Protein backbone atom coordinates (compact mmCIF):
# COMPACT_ATOMS: atom_id res chain seq x y z
CA MET A 1 -136.45 157.95 148.83
CA SER A 2 -133.14 156.17 149.29
CA THR A 3 -129.82 157.48 148.58
CA PRO A 4 -127.98 155.74 145.47
CA PRO A 5 -125.04 153.62 146.43
CA ARG A 6 -121.66 155.21 146.41
CA ARG A 7 -119.47 153.75 143.41
CA GLY A 8 -116.34 153.87 145.34
CA LEU A 9 -114.69 155.65 148.16
CA ALA A 10 -111.21 156.99 147.68
CA LYS A 11 -108.69 154.76 149.59
CA PHE A 12 -106.95 157.59 151.08
CA ASP A 13 -107.52 161.37 151.79
CA SER A 14 -104.00 162.23 150.68
CA LEU A 15 -100.66 161.04 149.44
CA PRO A 16 -99.09 161.58 153.09
CA GLN A 17 -101.93 159.54 154.61
CA GLU A 18 -101.36 156.72 152.04
CA VAL A 19 -97.57 156.71 152.82
CA PHE A 20 -98.29 156.86 156.55
CA LEU A 21 -100.91 154.12 156.47
CA GLY A 22 -98.40 151.99 154.23
CA ILE A 23 -95.65 152.25 156.84
CA TRP A 24 -98.06 151.42 159.64
CA ARG A 25 -99.33 148.42 157.93
CA THR A 26 -95.77 147.24 156.80
CA TYR A 27 -94.83 147.85 160.51
CA ASP A 28 -97.49 145.46 161.56
CA ARG A 29 -96.70 142.81 159.17
CA LEU A 30 -92.99 142.81 159.82
CA LYS A 31 -93.48 142.92 163.60
CA SER A 32 -95.35 139.72 163.61
CA PHE A 33 -92.12 137.91 162.75
CA GLU A 34 -90.32 139.57 165.70
CA ASP A 35 -93.23 138.99 168.08
CA GLU A 36 -93.14 135.20 167.07
CA LEU A 37 -89.33 134.84 167.73
CA PHE A 38 -89.42 136.93 171.02
CA ALA A 39 -92.21 134.92 172.25
CA THR A 40 -90.16 131.73 172.41
CA VAL A 41 -88.12 133.33 175.07
CA ASP A 42 -90.94 135.15 177.00
CA LEU A 43 -89.47 138.62 175.80
CA THR A 44 -91.11 141.68 174.16
CA ALA A 45 -89.18 143.44 171.23
CA GLN A 46 -89.02 146.48 173.60
CA GLN A 47 -87.16 144.33 176.19
CA TYR A 48 -84.97 142.86 173.74
CA ASN A 49 -84.07 146.47 172.43
CA VAL A 50 -82.93 147.25 176.15
CA LEU A 51 -80.80 144.21 176.45
CA ARG A 52 -79.24 144.90 172.96
CA LEU A 53 -78.46 148.54 173.95
CA LEU A 54 -76.93 147.29 177.18
CA ALA A 55 -75.00 144.74 175.35
CA ASN A 56 -73.37 147.43 173.12
CA VAL A 57 -71.82 149.16 176.17
CA HIS A 58 -71.12 146.05 178.24
CA PRO A 59 -69.57 145.91 180.72
CA ALA A 60 -70.35 149.47 181.33
CA ALA A 61 -73.71 150.75 182.72
CA VAL A 62 -76.12 153.36 181.29
CA ALA A 63 -78.35 155.81 183.15
CA THR A 64 -81.95 154.93 182.88
CA LEU A 65 -82.95 158.25 181.20
CA ASP A 66 -80.16 157.70 178.45
CA LEU A 67 -81.32 154.09 177.98
CA ALA A 68 -84.87 155.38 177.55
CA GLY A 69 -83.78 158.02 174.83
CA ARG A 70 -81.92 155.21 172.81
CA LEU A 71 -84.78 152.97 172.46
CA VAL A 72 -86.34 152.38 169.01
CA SER A 73 -89.88 153.31 170.43
CA ARG A 74 -90.78 155.37 173.31
CA ALA A 75 -91.22 153.32 176.53
CA PRO A 76 -93.74 155.30 178.95
CA ASP A 77 -93.17 152.83 181.77
CA ILE A 78 -89.42 152.03 181.42
CA THR A 79 -89.30 151.23 185.13
CA ARG A 80 -91.72 148.41 185.08
CA MET A 81 -89.99 147.00 181.97
CA LEU A 82 -86.67 147.18 183.92
CA ASP A 83 -88.35 145.43 186.84
CA LYS A 84 -89.21 142.47 184.59
CA LEU A 85 -85.77 142.22 183.14
CA GLU A 86 -84.19 142.59 186.73
CA GLN A 87 -86.48 139.92 188.04
CA ARG A 88 -85.30 137.51 185.37
CA GLY A 89 -81.60 138.18 186.15
CA PHE A 90 -80.92 139.85 182.88
CA ILE A 91 -79.95 143.32 184.28
CA ARG A 92 -78.96 144.84 187.37
CA ARG A 93 -79.61 148.45 188.65
CA ILE A 94 -76.80 150.44 190.19
CA ARG A 95 -77.14 153.81 192.36
CA PRO A 96 -73.85 155.66 192.32
CA PRO A 97 -72.95 156.61 195.91
CA GLU A 98 -72.30 160.27 194.66
CA ASP A 99 -75.85 160.76 193.27
CA ARG A 100 -78.47 158.35 194.52
CA ARG A 101 -81.10 159.87 192.33
CA VAL A 102 -79.33 158.45 189.26
CA VAL A 103 -80.05 154.90 188.41
CA GLN A 104 -77.79 153.13 186.08
CA VAL A 105 -78.33 149.84 184.49
CA ALA A 106 -76.00 147.18 183.50
CA LEU A 107 -76.25 143.92 181.67
CA GLU A 108 -75.88 140.58 183.72
CA PRO A 109 -74.25 137.45 182.28
CA PRO A 110 -77.66 135.73 181.69
CA GLY A 111 -78.81 138.74 179.62
CA LEU A 112 -75.53 138.80 177.64
CA LYS A 113 -76.12 134.84 177.17
CA LEU A 114 -79.73 135.51 175.76
CA ILE A 115 -78.59 138.22 173.25
CA ASP A 116 -75.84 135.86 172.10
CA GLU A 117 -78.59 132.96 171.70
CA LEU A 118 -80.89 135.22 169.89
CA GLN A 119 -78.29 136.69 167.36
CA ALA A 120 -78.70 133.89 164.61
CA PRO A 121 -82.50 133.64 164.92
CA LEU A 122 -82.82 137.26 164.90
CA ARG A 123 -80.74 137.54 161.76
CA GLN A 124 -82.96 134.90 160.11
CA CYS A 125 -86.11 136.75 161.25
CA HIS A 126 -84.66 140.06 159.51
CA GLU A 127 -84.04 138.10 156.35
CA ARG A 128 -87.65 136.64 156.45
CA GLN A 129 -88.90 140.29 156.88
CA LEU A 130 -86.88 142.05 154.28
CA GLY A 131 -84.58 139.61 152.55
CA HIS A 132 -86.48 140.01 149.34
CA LEU A 133 -85.20 143.43 148.91
CA SER A 134 -81.91 144.14 147.25
CA ARG A 135 -79.07 145.79 148.94
CA THR A 136 -79.73 148.96 146.87
CA GLU A 137 -83.33 148.93 147.71
CA LEU A 138 -82.72 148.42 151.52
CA LYS A 139 -80.23 151.44 151.45
CA GLN A 140 -82.79 153.54 149.49
CA LEU A 141 -85.52 152.52 152.13
CA ALA A 142 -83.36 153.27 155.06
CA GLY A 143 -82.47 156.79 153.71
CA LEU A 144 -86.04 157.58 152.95
CA LEU A 145 -87.19 156.44 156.52
CA ARG A 146 -84.42 158.59 158.00
CA THR A 147 -85.32 161.53 156.23
CA ALA A 148 -88.99 161.16 156.98
CA ARG A 149 -88.39 160.91 160.68
CA SER A 150 -85.48 163.45 160.95
CA VAL A 151 -87.53 166.45 161.28
CA HIS A 152 -89.65 164.81 164.18
CA GLU A 153 -86.77 163.58 166.21
CA LEU A 154 -85.75 165.52 169.27
CA GLU A 155 -82.43 167.39 169.00
CA ASP A 156 -80.98 165.45 171.86
CA SER A 157 -82.14 162.01 170.58
CA ASN A 158 -79.50 159.32 170.91
CA TRP A 159 -81.15 157.02 168.44
CA ARG A 160 -79.66 156.41 164.96
């Protein structure tokens, strides 16, 4: 005795699951554009994020833990990521003499040059990703995403 074939499975268990999976799939599709761009300069999106954050405060330095808190996505091994950027001459680490336990990170000229070189290609990448949406739709989407994550952000999060 065989079981009859199922007519159709529900695509999602719930509306929140559908939305979550939709965000995840959208992220996957949009990320491929950035991956393609950053591969041309042997960089990851996360490494670019570090350089971008440092460029925003250049010539000042940022404490490693503050930098980690500002990243778009968590970096469990920020030390190794900073090692790679330092080896390429994009950043430098500074240990203030008053507290050698603190490590600050500053952008070096080659890192600043790379950020400048990537500015136009990255703008084009974002146009490829989301340029088909109107300004109103982009603002609505940004607001919805901000609302969705706000209850899950740590109170001391520096991310905006």
